[in-house]
Amino acid sequence: MDNRQMVLREIPKIDELLMDEQLIFFMETTPRAVVVDAAREVIEEIRKDALAGTRTEVPKREAIVEEICRRITGKKKKNLKRLINGTGVVLHTNLGRARLCRGAVESVLSVADSYSNLEYDVKKGARGSRHDHVEQIIRRITGAEAAMVVNNNAAATMLCLSAMAYGKEVIVSRGELVEIGGSFRIPEIMEQSGAHLKEVGTTNKTKPSDYERAWNPETTGALMKVHTSNYRILGFTQEVTLKEMAALGKKMGLPVIYDMGSGLMADLSRYGVDEPTVTDALKDGADVVLFSGDKLLGGPQGGIIIGKKEYVDRMKQHPLARAFRVDKMTIAAMEATFFEYLDMEDAVKNIPVLRMIAEGRETLEKKAEALAKLLASMAPGADIHVEDCYDQVGGGSAPTVRLKGAAVSIVLPGTTAEKLERLLRKAEVPVIARVAHDRTLLSVRTIEESEFACVAEAFCQAAKSEERKGE
């Protein structure tokens, strides 16, 4: 009998391993299937190594059980988890975009673990509409005739075009044929909606006369303006303003659709964010306005449609409305977010996205100094200090805006900035940092003071890991 056969014969059986006290203990709080899967994985790896001749003996039983326990612990961890954003990008698409305000979180919790009146009219004792829960507050804040919420702004665009211009031409400037995240493009969304794109103008210049020449009373269904929220064209340029387009729409008898993307409600121009607001869009004459809930609005993911009642009602009755509808938790969070806008000053304080954008340099510097002092106490030999930085709004919003911020700069002796960034990312609560000029940077704009302890714990573990390696 060769050595491989001897090793294979010594591999313990799954049933025998499951009788171990440690694994029995796990099965009190963990589904048996998870424990069995972990045991099978470990045994199968040992068997493969034995067959390949890379393993000359079977690990001790205690070592096998220990590895199984480690695998079980890993399987119990959820894939989607909280982390700390130290990048300074307020609306970081990869990190979940907008942080919800406290009111939205509490509203979600209140409906998540109980029944709710999602589609039930309590007063009438009959079936109701899920649109009603958010429509009233959105109308009050924006001044729109009607409103509805779908699962994202791409869905809002598709539903709007399909309901208002199916089989018709929609005239759009070439300079506004944007691509949003994930390679989704306005022309492709329009094609799927059943509307036909008619491009006018050039990349850098579009004039009112371009729309007039493209207009055909028999085939044109709508005019559409798309706010280029994720890029800017500068220099020798010209665009048709929303007011000008609204005038054209009245002249031609066509509805004007405005896809504004980021959905800014509060005026943030004093903080350097000079973006159009939702209320301005309605005042300028748009018949329908589309925008995101999880960008500058500061709410959950969603596509918000506001405008004239005749058009919004048409969308509510469209078959795609059911495919694009949102659940009770999104509605709860969206309603609570809009409630914050009843007082714009309070909104800037209470909605995390707005508060982070509005946070001043002096406040940020104090935050950075406090975090730097805390981290320095964890690793006295490290070079830790506060330095100026520029943060970003992110999320495809205000692409040219650079927010003056403050960051904690870290250089850990014997460790590269890239390695420290990886170690922080692998912490129990991952800390996502930036690397610049051989330094690891933590921008405090996107880190709450309540998160400093988690950042310190991650840094402490990283520093100790490097100390043990050097011993």
Protein backbone atom coordinates (compact mmCIF):
# COMPACT_ATOMS: atom_id res chain seq x y z
CA MET A 1 0.00 0.00 0.00
CA ASP A 2 1.51 3.36 -1.05
CA ASN A 3 1.63 6.35 1.26
CA ARG A 4 -1.32 8.08 -0.42
CA GLN A 5 -3.63 5.17 0.40
CA MET A 6 -2.43 5.15 4.00
CA VAL A 7 -3.18 8.86 4.38
CA LEU A 8 -6.62 8.46 2.81
CA ARG A 9 -7.51 5.67 5.24
CA GLU A 10 -6.59 7.85 8.22
CA ILE A 11 -8.92 10.71 7.23
CA PRO A 12 -11.73 10.80 9.82
CA LYS A 13 -15.34 10.38 8.72
CA ILE A 14 -17.72 13.33 8.76
CA ASP A 15 -20.13 11.61 11.18
CA GLU A 16 -17.31 11.03 13.65
CA LEU A 17 -16.18 14.65 13.52
CA LEU A 18 -19.73 15.91 14.11
CA MET A 19 -19.66 14.16 17.51
CA ASP A 20 -16.92 16.51 18.71
CA GLU A 21 -18.01 18.74 21.60
CA GLN A 22 -16.96 21.97 19.86
CA LEU A 23 -19.04 21.19 16.79
CA ILE A 24 -22.00 20.09 18.91
CA PHE A 25 -21.74 23.47 20.65
CA PHE A 26 -21.83 25.27 17.29
CA MET A 27 -24.96 23.37 16.27
CA GLU A 28 -26.85 24.92 19.19
CA THR A 29 -26.67 28.33 17.51
CA THR A 30 -25.86 27.44 13.90
CA PRO A 31 -27.89 25.45 11.35
CA ARG A 32 -26.59 21.87 11.16
CA ALA A 33 -26.23 22.22 7.37
CA VAL A 34 -23.66 25.01 7.84
CA VAL A 35 -21.57 22.86 10.21
CA VAL A 36 -21.76 19.84 7.89
CA ASP A 37 -20.76 21.94 4.85
CA ALA A 38 -17.72 23.30 6.68
CA ALA A 39 -16.66 19.82 7.77
CA ARG A 40 -17.02 18.46 4.24
CA GLU A 41 -14.95 21.33 2.80
CA VAL A 42 -12.07 20.68 5.20
CA ILE A 43 -12.10 16.90 4.70
CA GLU A 44 -12.34 17.26 0.92
CA GLU A 45 -9.30 19.54 0.87
CA ILE A 46 -7.30 17.01 2.92
CA ARG A 47 -8.40 14.23 0.56
CA LYS A 48 -7.40 16.18 -2.55
CA ASP A 49 -3.97 16.96 -1.09
CA ALA A 50 -3.48 13.28 -0.26
CA LEU A 51 -4.40 12.17 -3.78
CA ALA A 52 -2.05 14.77 -5.25
CA GLY A 53 0.75 13.50 -3.02
CA THR A 54 1.26 16.92 -1.39
CA ARG A 55 0.16 15.68 2.04
CA THR A 56 2.09 12.89 3.75
CA GLU A 57 0.03 12.71 6.94
CA VAL A 58 -3.41 13.64 8.22
CA PRO A 59 -3.60 16.62 10.60
CA LYS A 60 -4.45 15.84 14.19
CA ARG A 61 -8.14 15.63 14.97
CA GLU A 62 -7.94 18.78 17.13
CA ALA A 63 -6.44 20.73 14.21
CA ILE A 64 -9.16 19.51 11.84
CA VAL A 65 -11.92 20.53 14.26
CA GLU A 66 -10.28 23.92 14.80
CA GLU A 67 -10.22 24.54 11.06
CA ILE A 68 -13.87 23.48 10.76
CA CYS A 69 -14.79 25.93 13.54
CA ARG A 70 -12.93 28.70 11.72
CA ARG A 71 -14.83 27.92 8.52
CA ILE A 72 -18.17 27.95 10.36
CA THR A 73 -17.41 31.35 11.85
CA GLY A 74 -16.59 32.66 8.36
CA LYS A 75 -19.81 31.24 6.91
CA LYS A 76 -21.89 32.94 9.62
CA LYS A 77 -20.57 36.37 8.67
CA LYS A 78 -22.88 38.35 6.42
CA ASN A 79 -21.57 39.55 3.08
CA LEU A 80 -23.24 42.96 3.29
CA LYS A 81 -21.89 44.76 6.34
CA ARG A 82 -21.10 48.20 7.68
CA LEU A 83 -17.74 49.82 7.08
CA ILE A 84 -16.11 53.19 7.64
CA ASN A 85 -15.59 55.56 4.74
CA GLY A 86 -12.31 57.43 5.14
CA THR A 87 -12.02 58.41 1.47
CA GLY A 88 -13.65 61.84 1.73
CA VAL A 89 -16.08 60.95 -1.09
CA VAL A 90 -19.48 61.78 0.41
CA LEU A 91 -21.61 59.86 -2.09
CA HIS A 92 -19.31 56.90 -2.70
CA THR A 93 -21.16 54.66 -5.15
CA ASN A 94 -19.22 51.54 -4.15
CA LEU A 95 -19.86 52.18 -0.45
CA GLY A 96 -23.63 52.56 -0.64
CA ARG A 97 -23.93 56.26 -1.51
CA ALA A 98 -26.07 58.29 0.91
CA ARG A 99 -26.08 57.60 4.63
CA LEU A 100 -29.66 57.81 5.85
CA CYS A 101 -30.74 60.35 8.44
CA ARG A 102 -31.77 59.10 11.88
CA GLY A 103 -35.45 59.70 11.15
CA ALA A 104 -35.29 57.51 8.04
CA VAL A 105 -33.55 54.68 9.92
CA GLU A 106 -36.15 54.77 12.69
CA SER A 107 -38.97 54.84 10.14
CA VAL A 108 -37.56 51.76 8.39
CA LEU A 109 -37.28 49.89 11.71
CA SER A 110 -40.87 50.75 12.60
CA VAL A 111 -42.28 48.97 9.52
CA ALA A 112 -39.62 46.29 9.02
CA ASP A 113 -40.63 43.98 11.88
CA SER A 114 -44.39 44.48 11.76
CA TYR A 115 -47.35 44.68 9.44
CA SER A 116 -48.07 48.07 7.89
CA ASN A 117 -50.66 49.95 5.86
CA LEU A 118 -48.51 49.67 2.72
CA GLU A 119 -51.51 49.11 0.43
CA TYR A 120 -54.35 49.50 2.91
CA ASP A 121 -56.49 52.57 3.57
CA VAL A 122 -57.11 52.45 7.32
CA LYS A 123 -59.86 55.09 7.22
CA LYS A 124 -61.84 53.35 4.47
CA GLY A 125 -60.99 49.80 5.52
CA ALA A 126 -60.19 48.98 1.90
CA ARG A 127 -57.28 48.52 -0.46
CA GLY A 128 -55.06 51.58 -0.82
CA SER A 129 -52.10 52.67 -2.95
CA ARG A 130 -48.46 52.56 -1.89
CA HIS A 131 -47.89 55.78 -3.85
CA ASP A 132 -50.05 57.75 -1.40
CA HIS A 133 -47.59 57.45 1.50
CA VAL A 134 -44.93 59.61 -0.12
CA GLU A 135 -46.87 61.63 -2.68
CA GLN A 136 -48.35 64.12 -0.22
CA ILE A 137 -45.04 65.08 1.43
CA ILE A 138 -43.18 65.23 -1.90
CA ARG A 139 -45.86 67.51 -3.36
CA ARG A 140 -45.69 69.74 -0.29
CA ILE A 141 -41.89 70.08 -0.45
CA THR A 142 -41.55 70.49 -4.22
CA GLY A 143 -44.81 72.21 -5.15
CA ALA A 144 -45.53 69.58 -7.83
CA GLU A 145 -49.05 68.56 -8.85
CA ALA A 146 -48.27 64.86 -8.45
CA ALA A 147 -45.44 62.50 -7.53
CA MET A 148 -44.44 58.85 -7.40
CA VAL A 149 -41.37 56.81 -6.47
CA VAL A 150 -39.81 53.88 -8.35
CA ASN A 151 -36.68 51.81 -7.63
CA ASN A 152 -34.05 54.08 -9.24
CA ASN A 153 -33.69 57.00 -11.62
CA ALA A 154 -32.99 54.78 -14.66
CA ALA A 155 -36.35 53.10 -14.00
CA ALA A 156 -37.99 56.52 -13.65
CA THR A 157 -36.57 57.54 -17.03
CA MET A 158 -37.73 54.35 -18.74
CA LEU A 159 -41.21 54.49 -17.21
CA CYS A 160 -41.62 58.15 -18.10
CA LEU A 161 -40.55 57.71 -21.73
CA SER A 162 -42.63 54.58 -22.19
CA ALA A 163 -45.76 56.18 -20.72
CA MET A 164 -45.40 59.54 -22.48
CA ALA A 165 -43.70 58.82 -25.81
CA TYR A 166 -43.98 55.13 -26.74
CA GLY A 167 -43.51 54.82 -30.51
CA LYS A 168 -42.75 58.55 -30.78
CA GLU A 169 -39.57 60.56 -31.18
CA VAL A 170 -38.01 62.26 -28.18
CA ILE A 171 -35.63 65.12 -29.06
CA VAL A 172 -32.42 65.28 -26.97
CA SER A 173 -29.24 67.30 -27.34
CA ARG A 174 -26.14 65.30 -28.33
CA GLY A 175 -24.26 66.97 -25.50
CA GLU A 176 -26.68 65.42 -22.98
CA LEU A 177 -26.58 61.76 -24.03
CA VAL A 178 -24.99 60.72 -20.75
CA GLU A 179 -23.77 57.39 -19.47
CA ILE A 180 -24.50 56.61 -15.83
CA GLY A 181 -22.91 53.99 -13.57
CA GLY A 182 -22.65 50.41 -14.81
CA SER A 183 -22.46 51.47 -18.48
CA PHE A 184 -26.16 52.35 -18.70
CA ARG A 185 -26.69 55.01 -21.34
CA ILE A 186 -29.59 57.34 -22.10
CA PRO A 187 -29.91 56.10 -25.73
CA GLU A 188 -30.13 52.48 -24.55
CA ILE A 189 -32.70 53.25 -21.87
CA MET A 190 -34.72 55.17 -24.45
CA GLU A 191 -34.57 52.27 -26.89
CA GLN A 192 -35.88 49.84 -24.25
CA SER A 193 -38.70 52.24 -23.36
CA GLY A 194 -40.11 52.10 -26.89
CA ALA A 195 -39.43 55.77 -27.59
CA HIS A 196 -37.18 56.82 -30.47
CA LEU A 197 -34.17 59.04 -29.88
CA LYS A 198 -33.72 62.04 -32.14
CA GLU A 199 -30.38 63.75 -31.55
CA VAL A 200 -29.90 67.44 -32.22
CA GLY A 201 -26.99 69.86 -32.05
CA THR A 202 -23.39 68.91 -31.49
CA THR A 203 -21.43 67.71 -28.47
CA ASN A 204 -20.52 71.25 -27.40
CA LYS A 205 -23.28 73.39 -28.91
CA THR A 206 -27.05 73.03 -29.12
CA LYS A 207 -29.41 75.90 -29.99
CA PRO A 208 -33.20 76.36 -29.76
CA SER A 209 -33.34 76.32 -33.56
CA ASP A 210 -31.95 72.76 -33.55
CA TYR A 211 -35.04 71.54 -31.68
CA GLU A 212 -37.37 73.50 -33.95
CA ARG A 213 -35.87 71.99 -37.10
CA ALA A 214 -36.10 68.46 -35.64
CA TRP A 215 -39.74 68.86 -34.58
CA ASN A 216 -42.34 66.93 -36.55
CA PRO A 217 -45.96 67.40 -35.37
CA GLU A 218 -46.84 63.85 -36.37
CA THR A 219 -43.85 61.91 -35.00
CA THR A 220 -42.43 63.95 -32.10
CA GLY A 221 -43.69 62.92 -28.65
CA ALA A 222 -41.64 64.99 -26.22
CA LEU A 223 -38.62 67.20 -25.60
CA MET A 224 -36.09 65.94 -23.09
CA LYS A 225 -33.32 67.70 -21.23
CA VAL A 226 -30.72 65.70 -19.28
CA HIS A 227 -28.64 67.42 -16.62
CA THR A 228 -25.00 66.42 -17.08
CA SER A 229 -24.53 65.82 -13.37
CA ASN A 230 -21.46 63.57 -13.73
CA TYR A 231 -19.39 65.67 -16.16
CA ARG A 232 -19.03 69.18 -17.54
CA ILE A 233 -18.29 70.49 -21.04
CA LEU A 234 -16.33 73.73 -20.81
CA GLY A 235 -15.04 76.27 -23.33
CA PHE A 236 -16.76 76.99 -26.65
CA THR A 237 -20.21 75.77 -25.59
CA GLN A 238 -23.91 76.57 -25.74
CA GLU A 239 -26.91 74.77 -24.33
CA VAL A 240 -30.63 75.36 -24.37
CA THR A 241 -31.74 76.24 -20.84
CA LEU A 242 -34.72 74.55 -19.25
CA LYS A 243 -36.68 77.82 -19.46
CA GLU A 244 -35.97 78.05 -23.18
CA MET A 245 -36.97 74.43 -23.67
CA ALA A 246 -40.20 74.95 -21.72
CA ALA A 247 -41.04 77.84 -24.07
CA LEU A 248 -40.33 75.58 -27.05
CA GLY A 249 -42.56 72.88 -25.56
CA LYS A 250 -45.47 75.30 -25.25
CA LYS A 251 -44.92 76.54 -28.80
CA MET A 252 -44.87 72.99 -30.19
CA GLY A 253 -47.54 71.57 -27.87
CA LEU A 254 -45.06 69.02 -26.45
CA PRO A 255 -44.34 67.96 -22.85
CA VAL A 256 -40.85 68.75 -21.53
CA ILE A 257 -39.11 66.02 -19.52
CA TYR A 258 -36.17 66.99 -17.33
CA ASP A 259 -33.90 64.19 -16.09
CA MET A 260 -31.89 66.09 -13.48
CA GLY A 261 -30.18 63.07 -11.92
CA SER A 262 -28.90 64.02 -8.50
CA GLY A 263 -32.02 65.70 -7.11
CA LEU A 264 -30.75 68.59 -5.00
CA MET A 265 -33.46 70.07 -2.77
CA ALA A 266 -31.51 72.55 -0.62
CA ASP A 267 -29.47 75.43 -2.02
CA LEU A 268 -25.83 74.50 -1.35
CA SER A 269 -24.21 77.22 -3.47
CA ARG A 270 -22.65 78.82 -0.37
CA TYR A 271 -20.77 75.56 0.16
CA GLY A 272 -19.48 75.47 -3.41
CA VAL A 273 -22.14 73.13 -4.86
CA ASP A 274 -23.76 75.18 -7.63
CA GLU A 275 -26.26 72.61 -8.90
CA PRO A 276 -29.86 73.19 -10.03
CA THR A 277 -32.53 72.41 -7.43
CA VAL A 278 -35.69 70.39 -7.92
CA THR A 279 -37.95 73.35 -7.14
CA ASP A 280 -36.09 75.51 -9.67
CA ALA A 281 -36.74 72.85 -12.32
CA LEU A 282 -40.49 73.11 -11.79
CA LYS A 283 -40.39 76.91 -11.70
CA ASP A 284 -38.49 76.89 -15.00
CA GLY A 285 -41.40 75.08 -16.66
CA ALA A 286 -40.57 71.36 -16.81
CA ASP A 287 -43.69 69.21 -17.13
CA VAL A 288 -42.01 66.17 -15.56
CA VAL A 289 -38.84 66.08 -13.44
CA LEU A 290 -36.90 62.89 -12.66
CA PHE A 291 -34.21 62.54 -9.98
CA SER A 292 -32.48 60.08 -7.64
CA GLY A 293 -33.28 59.55 -3.99
CA ASP A 294 -29.85 58.38 -2.85
CA LYS A 295 -27.69 61.21 -4.19
CA LEU A 296 -27.94 64.85 -3.15
CA LEU A 297 -31.41 64.31 -1.73
CA GLY A 298 -29.75 62.14 0.92
CA GLY A 299 -32.32 59.35 1.04
CA PRO A 300 -32.61 55.67 0.03
CA GLN A 301 -32.12 54.37 -3.49
CA GLY A 302 -35.08 55.37 -5.61
CA GLY A 303 -36.20 57.26 -8.67
CA ILE A 304 -38.54 60.15 -7.93
CA ILE A 305 -40.98 61.42 -10.55
CA ILE A 306 -42.76 64.74 -10.05
CA GLY A 307 -44.74 66.99 -12.37
CA LYS A 308 -48.13 67.50 -13.91
CA LYS A 309 -50.84 65.18 -12.65
CA GLU A 310 -51.97 64.03 -16.10
CA TYR A 311 -48.51 62.62 -16.86
CA VAL A 312 -47.74 61.15 -13.43
CA ASP A 313 -51.15 59.44 -13.30
CA ARG A 314 -50.43 57.93 -16.70
CA MET A 315 -47.19 56.47 -15.30
CA LYS A 316 -48.93 55.08 -12.21
CA GLN A 317 -51.24 53.08 -14.48
CA HIS A 318 -48.47 51.83 -16.77
CA PRO A 319 -47.54 48.09 -16.57
CA LEU A 320 -43.90 48.98 -15.85
CA ALA A 321 -44.96 50.77 -12.66
CA ARG A 322 -45.42 47.42 -10.94
CA ALA A 323 -42.07 46.11 -12.18
CA PHE A 324 -40.32 49.22 -10.89
CA ARG A 325 -42.20 49.68 -7.62
CA VAL A 326 -40.43 50.08 -4.27
CA ASP A 327 -40.95 48.14 -1.05
CA LYS A 328 -42.26 49.33 2.32
CA MET A 329 -38.79 50.03 3.74
CA THR A 330 -37.81 52.30 0.84
CA ILE A 331 -41.13 54.15 1.14
CA ALA A 332 -40.65 54.57 4.90
CA ALA A 333 -37.11 55.93 4.46
CA MET A 334 -38.11 58.20 1.56
CA GLU A 335 -41.05 59.70 3.43
CA ALA A 336 -38.92 60.39 6.52
CA THR A 337 -36.17 61.97 4.40
CA PHE A 338 -38.61 64.37 2.74
CA PHE A 339 -40.06 65.29 6.14
CA GLU A 340 -36.63 66.69 7.06
CA TYR A 341 -37.01 69.22 4.23
CA LEU A 342 -39.96 70.91 5.91
CA ASP A 343 -37.24 73.07 7.47
CA MET A 344 -34.29 73.54 5.10
CA GLU A 345 -31.93 74.66 7.87
CA ASP A 346 -32.69 71.53 9.88
CA ALA A 347 -32.32 69.42 6.75
CA VAL A 348 -28.72 70.57 6.28
CA LYS A 349 -28.01 69.60 9.90
CA ASN A 350 -29.93 66.32 10.03
CA ILE A 351 -29.34 64.73 6.62
CA PRO A 352 -25.81 63.24 6.66
CA VAL A 353 -25.03 63.98 2.99
CA LEU A 354 -25.90 67.67 3.34
CA ARG A 355 -24.17 67.95 6.72
CA MET A 356 -20.94 66.45 5.35
CA ILE A 357 -20.95 68.78 2.34
CA ALA A 358 -21.64 71.82 4.54
CA GLU A 359 -19.07 70.96 7.21
CA GLY A 360 -16.52 73.76 7.50
CA ARG A 361 -12.73 73.51 7.39
CA GLU A 362 -12.33 74.54 11.06
CA THR A 363 -14.70 71.83 12.28
CA LEU A 364 -13.01 69.22 10.11
CA GLU A 365 -9.57 70.21 11.39
CA LYS A 366 -10.69 69.74 14.99
CA LYS A 367 -12.11 66.33 14.13
CA ALA A 368 -8.89 65.34 12.40
CA GLU A 369 -6.77 66.49 15.34
CA ALA A 370 -8.87 64.40 17.74
CA LEU A 371 -8.55 61.31 15.55
CA ALA A 372 -4.81 61.84 15.02
CA LYS A 373 -4.24 62.10 18.77
CA LEU A 374 -6.18 58.88 19.35
CA LEU A 375 -4.26 56.96 16.66
CA ALA A 376 -0.89 58.28 17.83
CA SER A 377 -1.55 56.81 21.28
CA MET A 378 -1.89 53.38 19.64
CA ALA A 379 1.49 53.49 17.87
CA PRO A 380 3.93 56.02 19.39
CA GLY A 381 6.54 55.33 16.69
CA ALA A 382 4.22 56.21 13.80
CA ASP A 383 4.30 59.52 11.95
CA ILE A 384 0.74 60.79 12.36
CA HIS A 385 -0.34 64.35 11.65
CA VAL A 386 -3.17 66.41 10.17
CA GLU A 387 -2.94 67.79 6.66
CA ASP A 388 -5.14 69.62 4.19
CA CYS A 389 -6.95 67.63 1.52
CA TYR A 390 -9.69 67.99 -1.06
CA ASP A 391 -12.83 65.88 -0.76
CA GLN A 392 -15.48 65.12 -3.38
CA VAL A 393 -19.27 65.03 -3.48
CA GLY A 394 -19.20 61.85 -5.60
CA GLY A 395 -22.09 59.72 -6.83
CA GLY A 396 -22.03 61.39 -10.24
CA SER A 397 -22.90 64.74 -8.64
CA ALA A 398 -21.07 68.09 -8.82
CA PRO A 399 -18.04 66.64 -10.66
CA THR A 400 -16.01 69.87 -10.66
CA VAL A 401 -16.54 70.69 -6.97
CA ARG A 402 -13.57 70.18 -4.64
CA LEU A 403 -14.40 70.46 -0.95
CA LYS A 404 -11.61 71.75 1.29
CA GLY A 405 -11.13 69.13 3.98
CA ALA A 406 -8.76 67.72 6.57
CA ALA A 407 -7.21 64.28 6.70
CA VAL A 408 -5.15 62.26 9.15
CA SER A 409 -1.88 61.30 7.45
CA ILE A 410 -0.26 58.06 8.66
CA VAL A 411 3.18 56.58 8.03
CA LEU A 412 3.78 53.35 9.96
CA PRO A 413 7.48 52.44 10.19
CA GLY A 414 8.37 49.32 8.23
CA THR A 415 5.04 49.28 6.45
CA THR A 416 4.14 50.72 3.06
CA ALA A 417 1.11 52.96 2.71
CA GLU A 418 -0.47 50.40 0.41
CA LYS A 419 -0.04 47.62 2.96
CA LEU A 420 -1.50 49.70 5.78
CA GLU A 421 -4.48 50.49 3.56
CA ARG A 422 -5.01 46.74 3.04
CA LEU A 423 -4.69 45.98 6.76
CA LEU A 424 -7.26 48.65 7.63
CA ARG A 425 -9.57 47.22 5.00
CA LYS A 426 -9.31 43.74 6.51
CA ALA A 427 -10.38 44.82 10.01
CA GLU A 428 -13.52 43.44 11.67
CA VAL A 429 -15.18 46.74 10.74
CA PRO A 430 -13.33 47.60 7.50
CA VAL A 431 -11.87 51.09 7.26
CA ILE A 432 -11.52 52.33 3.67
CA ALA A 433 -8.63 54.79 3.35
CA ARG A 434 -6.78 56.58 0.55
CA VAL A 435 -3.13 56.35 -0.43
CA ALA A 436 -1.24 59.44 -1.64
CA HIS A 437 2.50 60.19 -1.82
CA ASP A 438 3.48 57.15 0.28
CA ARG A 439 1.04 58.09 3.04
CA THR A 440 -2.21 56.53 4.17
CA LEU A 441 -4.90 59.19 4.46
CA LEU A 442 -8.14 59.17 6.44
CA SER A 443 -10.43 62.05 5.46
CA VAL A 444 -12.60 62.94 8.45
CA ARG A 445 -15.42 64.52 6.43
CA THR A 446 -16.93 61.08 5.86
CA ILE A 447 -16.05 59.64 9.29
CA GLU A 448 -18.41 60.27 12.19
CA GLU A 449 -16.87 60.95 15.61
CA SER A 450 -18.83 57.95 16.91
CA GLU A 451 -16.75 55.82 14.51
CA PHE A 452 -13.36 56.95 15.85
CA ALA A 453 -13.19 53.98 18.25
CA CYS A 454 -13.63 51.52 15.35
CA VAL A 455 -10.95 53.32 13.33
CA ALA A 456 -8.59 53.17 16.32
CA GLU A 457 -9.26 49.46 16.79
CA ALA A 458 -8.53 48.75 13.13
CA PHE A 459 -5.32 50.79 13.26
CA CYS A 460 -4.24 49.16 16.53
CA GLN A 461 -4.66 45.68 15.04
CA ALA A 462 -2.73 46.74 11.93
CA ALA A 463 0.14 48.14 14.03
CA LYS A 464 0.29 45.04 16.23
CA SER A 465 0.26 42.82 13.17
CA GLU A 466 3.34 44.59 11.84
CA GLU A 467 5.05 44.46 15.26
CA ARG A 468 4.55 40.69 15.48
CA LYS A 469 5.91 40.30 11.99
CA GLY A 470 9.06 42.21 12.94
CA GLU A 471 9.76 40.09 16.03
